[in-house]
Amino acid sequence: MRILIDADGCPVVDLTVGLAKKYGIECTILCDTSHDSVDFKIVNLVGEGDIVVTQDYGLAAMCLARKAIPVSQNGMVYTDKNIDQLLFTRYVSKKIRNAGGRMKGPSKRTPEQDKAFEAALEKLIG
C-alpha cells in the first residue's frame, strides 16, 4: 500500500504525510501547473490497494478502475456506488456555469473536516 496525493489545492497534504510517516507507508506528493498531467501521472503510478487523496471526481473514477482507494480531503471514500452520482453532479454544475449560472463555492475549511479526513485515512490504513 502506498499513498498518492493529488496536491493541487489539497489542504491535507501535511496531515497525510504525517499519518504516512506514523504508519511507515510510502507517500508521494504530485503537483503541477498542468492539472491533467498530474492526474494521468497518478493513474499511471497507482496500483491495487493504494490510497489516493484527491478532490477530483474524474481522477477518483480512474483510480477506482485501477482498484485503488480514492478518498476526498473531507474523508469521503469514493466507491463504485457513489462515483456515478458525483460525476453526474459535476457535469450538471458545469452545464449551469457554461450557461452563465453561478454555483456556490466551497465554505471555509473547518477543523472538523480535518478530523473527519484523519479518521477516514487511519481507517483505510487500518
Protein backbone atom coordinates (compact mmCIF):
# COMPACT_ATOMS: atom_id res chain seq x y z
CA MET A 1 0.00 0.00 0.00
CA ARG A 2 1.14 3.49 -0.90
CA ILE A 3 -0.46 6.89 -0.56
CA LEU A 4 -0.53 9.21 -3.56
CA ILE A 5 -1.61 12.82 -3.04
CA ASP A 6 -3.13 14.95 -5.79
CA ALA A 7 -1.68 18.04 -4.14
CA ASP A 8 -3.18 20.71 -6.41
CA GLY A 9 -5.05 22.82 -3.85
CA CYS A 10 -5.11 19.98 -1.32
CA PRO A 11 -5.41 21.26 2.27
CA VAL A 12 -4.50 17.93 3.90
CA VAL A 13 -1.03 17.31 2.46
CA ASP A 14 0.78 17.79 5.79
CA LEU A 15 -1.80 15.71 7.66
CA THR A 16 -1.49 12.90 5.10
CA VAL A 17 2.31 12.93 5.15
CA GLY A 18 2.24 12.84 8.95
CA LEU A 19 0.00 9.79 9.00
CA ALA A 20 2.10 8.08 6.33
CA LYS A 21 5.21 8.59 8.47
CA LYS A 22 3.38 7.39 11.58
CA TYR A 23 2.44 4.11 9.86
CA GLY A 24 5.60 3.73 7.77
CA ILE A 25 3.76 3.99 4.44
CA GLU A 26 5.34 5.34 1.27
CA CYS A 27 3.74 8.67 0.36
CA THR A 28 4.12 10.52 -2.94
CA ILE A 29 3.01 14.10 -3.47
CA LEU A 30 2.21 15.12 -7.06
CA CYS A 31 1.62 18.72 -8.06
CA ASP A 32 1.98 20.67 -11.32
CA THR A 33 0.51 23.68 -13.04
CA SER A 34 -0.94 21.26 -15.59
CA HIS A 35 -3.58 19.51 -13.51
CA ASP A 36 -4.30 16.92 -16.21
CA SER A 37 -0.68 15.80 -16.31
CA VAL A 38 -0.77 15.16 -12.55
CA ASP A 39 -3.97 13.16 -12.91
CA PHE A 40 -2.51 10.95 -15.62
CA LYS A 41 0.76 10.51 -13.70
CA ILE A 42 -1.21 9.33 -10.67
CA VAL A 43 -3.23 6.90 -12.78
CA ASN A 44 -0.01 5.52 -14.24
CA LEU A 45 1.57 5.12 -10.79
CA VAL A 46 -1.39 3.83 -8.79
CA GLY A 47 -1.87 0.17 -8.08
CA GLU A 48 -4.42 -2.05 -6.44
CA GLY A 49 -4.91 -1.16 -2.78
CA ASP A 50 -3.09 2.18 -2.99
CA ILE A 51 -4.78 5.18 -1.38
CA VAL A 52 -5.22 8.32 -3.49
CA VAL A 53 -6.09 11.62 -1.80
CA THR A 54 -7.97 13.78 -4.31
CA GLN A 55 -10.93 16.09 -4.65
CA ASP A 56 -11.16 15.35 -8.40
CA TYR A 57 -14.07 13.04 -9.20
CA GLY A 58 -12.67 12.15 -12.61
CA LEU A 59 -9.35 11.11 -11.12
CA ALA A 60 -11.18 9.18 -8.40
CA ALA A 61 -13.11 7.26 -11.08
CA MET A 62 -9.90 6.36 -12.92
CA CYS A 63 -8.31 5.22 -9.65
CA LEU A 64 -11.33 3.05 -8.86
CA ALA A 65 -10.86 1.37 -12.24
CA ARG A 66 -7.31 0.53 -11.13
CA LYS A 67 -8.68 -0.95 -7.85
CA ALA A 68 -7.18 1.84 -5.77
CA ILE A 69 -8.94 3.56 -2.86
CA PRO A 70 -9.59 7.23 -3.56
CA VAL A 71 -10.54 9.46 -0.63
CA SER A 72 -11.54 13.11 -0.58
CA GLN A 73 -9.95 15.81 1.54
CA ASN A 74 -13.05 15.63 3.75
CA GLY A 75 -12.76 11.90 4.37
CA MET A 76 -15.35 10.65 1.88
CA VAL A 77 -14.20 7.40 0.33
CA TYR A 78 -15.11 7.25 -3.35
CA THR A 79 -16.69 3.93 -4.32
CA ASP A 80 -18.36 2.30 -7.30
CA LYS A 81 -21.63 3.08 -5.52
CA ASN A 82 -21.18 6.86 -5.24
CA ILE A 83 -18.89 7.88 -8.11
CA ASP A 84 -21.55 7.93 -10.86
CA GLN A 85 -23.72 10.38 -8.93
CA LEU A 86 -20.73 12.57 -8.11
CA LEU A 87 -19.66 12.67 -11.76
CA PHE A 88 -23.22 13.48 -12.85
CA THR A 89 -23.42 16.32 -10.32
CA ARG A 90 -20.13 17.70 -11.65
CA TYR A 91 -21.50 17.51 -15.20
CA VAL A 92 -24.72 19.35 -14.28
CA SER A 93 -22.77 22.04 -12.40
CA LYS A 94 -20.54 22.61 -15.42
CA LYS A 95 -23.58 22.96 -17.71
CA ILE A 96 -25.05 25.56 -15.35
CA ARG A 97 -21.77 27.51 -15.25
CA ASN A 98 -21.40 27.34 -19.05
CA ALA A 99 -24.92 28.76 -19.40
CA GLY A 100 -23.92 31.74 -17.24
CA GLY A 101 -25.25 30.41 -13.96
CA ARG A 102 -23.38 30.60 -10.71
CA MET A 103 -22.69 27.85 -8.24
CA LYS A 104 -21.92 28.41 -4.59
CA GLY A 105 -18.26 27.76 -3.86
CA PRO A 106 -16.97 25.65 -1.01
CA SER A 107 -17.21 27.04 2.51
CA LYS A 108 -14.13 27.76 4.61
CA ARG A 109 -12.37 24.62 5.81
CA THR A 110 -13.05 23.65 9.41
CA PRO A 111 -11.04 21.67 11.97
CA GLU A 112 -13.87 19.11 11.96
CA GLN A 113 -13.18 18.39 8.29
CA ASP A 114 -9.52 17.73 9.12
CA LYS A 115 -10.58 15.36 11.89
CA ALA A 116 -13.00 13.54 9.58
CA PHE A 117 -10.26 13.15 6.97
CA GLU A 118 -7.75 11.92 9.53
CA ALA A 119 -10.21 9.35 10.90
CA ALA A 120 -11.10 8.10 7.41
CA LEU A 121 -7.46 7.80 6.36
CA GLU A 122 -6.49 5.96 9.55
CA LYS A 123 -9.39 3.57 8.99
CA LEU A 124 -8.23 2.91 5.41
CA ILE A 125 -4.66 2.35 6.57
CA GLY A 126 -6.00 0.25 9.39
